[in-house]
Amino acid sequence: MRRTVPLILAVALFMENMDSTVIATSLPAIAVDIGTSPIALKLALTAYLVALAIFIPVSAWVADRLGAKLVFRAAIGVFVIGSVACASSGSLLEFVLARFLQGMGGAMMTPVARLVLVRATEKSDLVSAMAWLTIPGLIGPLVGPPVGGFITTFITWHWIFLINVPIGLAGIWLAGRYLPDIEPAHARRLDMPGFLLSGIAASGVVFGLSVISLPALPPIVGVIVLLVGLGAGALYFRHARVTPDPILDLRLFRNPAFRAAVGGGALFRVGSGATPFLLPLLFQLGFGMTPFQSGMLTFASAFGAIAMKFMASFTLRAGGFRTVLAATAFLGGGFIAASALFTPSTSHAVIIAVLIGSGFLRSLFFTSAGALVFADVDAGEASQATAISAATQQISIAVGVAVGGGLLEGTSYLSGEPIGPGSFTVAFLTVGLITALSLIPFARLPKDAGSSVSGHRLRRPAGEEPPAA
């Protein structure tokens, strides 16, 4: 039973994470079929991210009100319905709306899955369980491009969405049969002003950055929406300070472990979130690879992520959260920066070795940071911790993609040359540095932070008594 819960949750999250990237490879074929352009169709990618940004903040309240298990199964159902709608779309508007519906399901699926895991798992087993839940988020984006390319080339793009139907139905059945029944918690009154402000803030930032980095609309539209989102965010911070029960309770940031996990994790994702965007472009634009060849090469990171699963608990027990997270942040940034040294003549074996190491460190970081989020959080605050961390993740990933795209465009503009190897060198070095800087919040933690979850115990001099409980 200890592995059954995280495995069921992981299958559902793998479906969502793969689907969110598999579409990128299929955009040209979909655009031809529904009579639009690939650039315009990128609005569908943005629509999905906007739905996540709007509805993730309210996921905690809904799960507390209706029960986490019920909401998780319903979220899978909404995602499956959205998938069928995507496959049936005949116009740009229909496809964008279908992707938005998918995003509504995904917005509830991911944070509520973490909430189910936390409430169904003992703290001492949380690291191992979180490792199973982390892997889909890392492997899905890597599997997506080659799978999307294969299905689109040899079958038809409709099946990148229809394949979610049997997976989703199986997930609903397995969740109903094996997930523990978690009674609804005492749900506070819905903070409607907070919901509106947080939704505008998060969706404005995500939509604005998406338009700037993937211009399907004039960039000025993205800038305006981004400023609106930042303004709504400032208003929400003011609102949350004076509201007894805000939809996202920022008072959780008084907890040092939670603050480091969310803040350091966001900084890490800004850097590492740019990598899945930059690597395929480097391999295709710089090295002349096909999308399928590029996807198969980047898939090497998945092997590192899988290997981490078997070492996460031991590593944290030996080193503790502070040491492991600071070290993986620094080394992870170094491996990302190493991609700046890739050239068309670089051996594929060397590239694969770097990507495997990067995937291992990234997976270990996300597993450790995900567990640290809940290490010192009370059971009654778990839903809030889940929603805040999930919302922060989406925003930081959008920032990462915008940073990666902005670096490429900026160096090209300054040099007066098309995007080339020099642009990628600057981009990888910069995002590697940003990733490494995430070690700062963790280095400031006490050595025994989150020890009830990691199992790490400090060695004491002979004869010294441990502090009183």
Foldseek 3Di string as FASTA:
>chain_A
DLQLLLLLLQLLLLLVLLLLQLVLQCLCVVCVQQVHHSLLLCLLSLLLLLLLQQQLLLLLLVCLVANLLVLQLVLLVQLLVLLLQCLVDNHSVSNSVSSNSNSPSVSNNVLSSLLLSVVVDDLQCQLLSLLSNLLSNLLSNLVSLLVSNCCVVPPNNSVSSNVSNVSSVVSSVSSVVPRDGGDRHPRDPAPVLLSVLSSQQLSLLLSLLSCCLSPSDPNVVSVVSNVRNVVSVVVNVVVLVPDPDHSQNPVLCVDLLLVLLQVLVLLLLLLVLQVSVLQLCCCCVAQVDDSNVSSVLLSLLSLLSVVLSVCLLVVCQAQNLLVLLLVLLQVLLVLLLVVLVDHNPDDSVVSSVSSSVNSNSVSSNSSSSSSSNCLPPDSVCSSSSSSSSSSSSSSSSSSNNSLLSCQQVVVCVVVVHHRYSVSSNVSSNVSSVSSSVSSVSSNPDDRCRSCSNSVHDDDDPPPDDDDDD
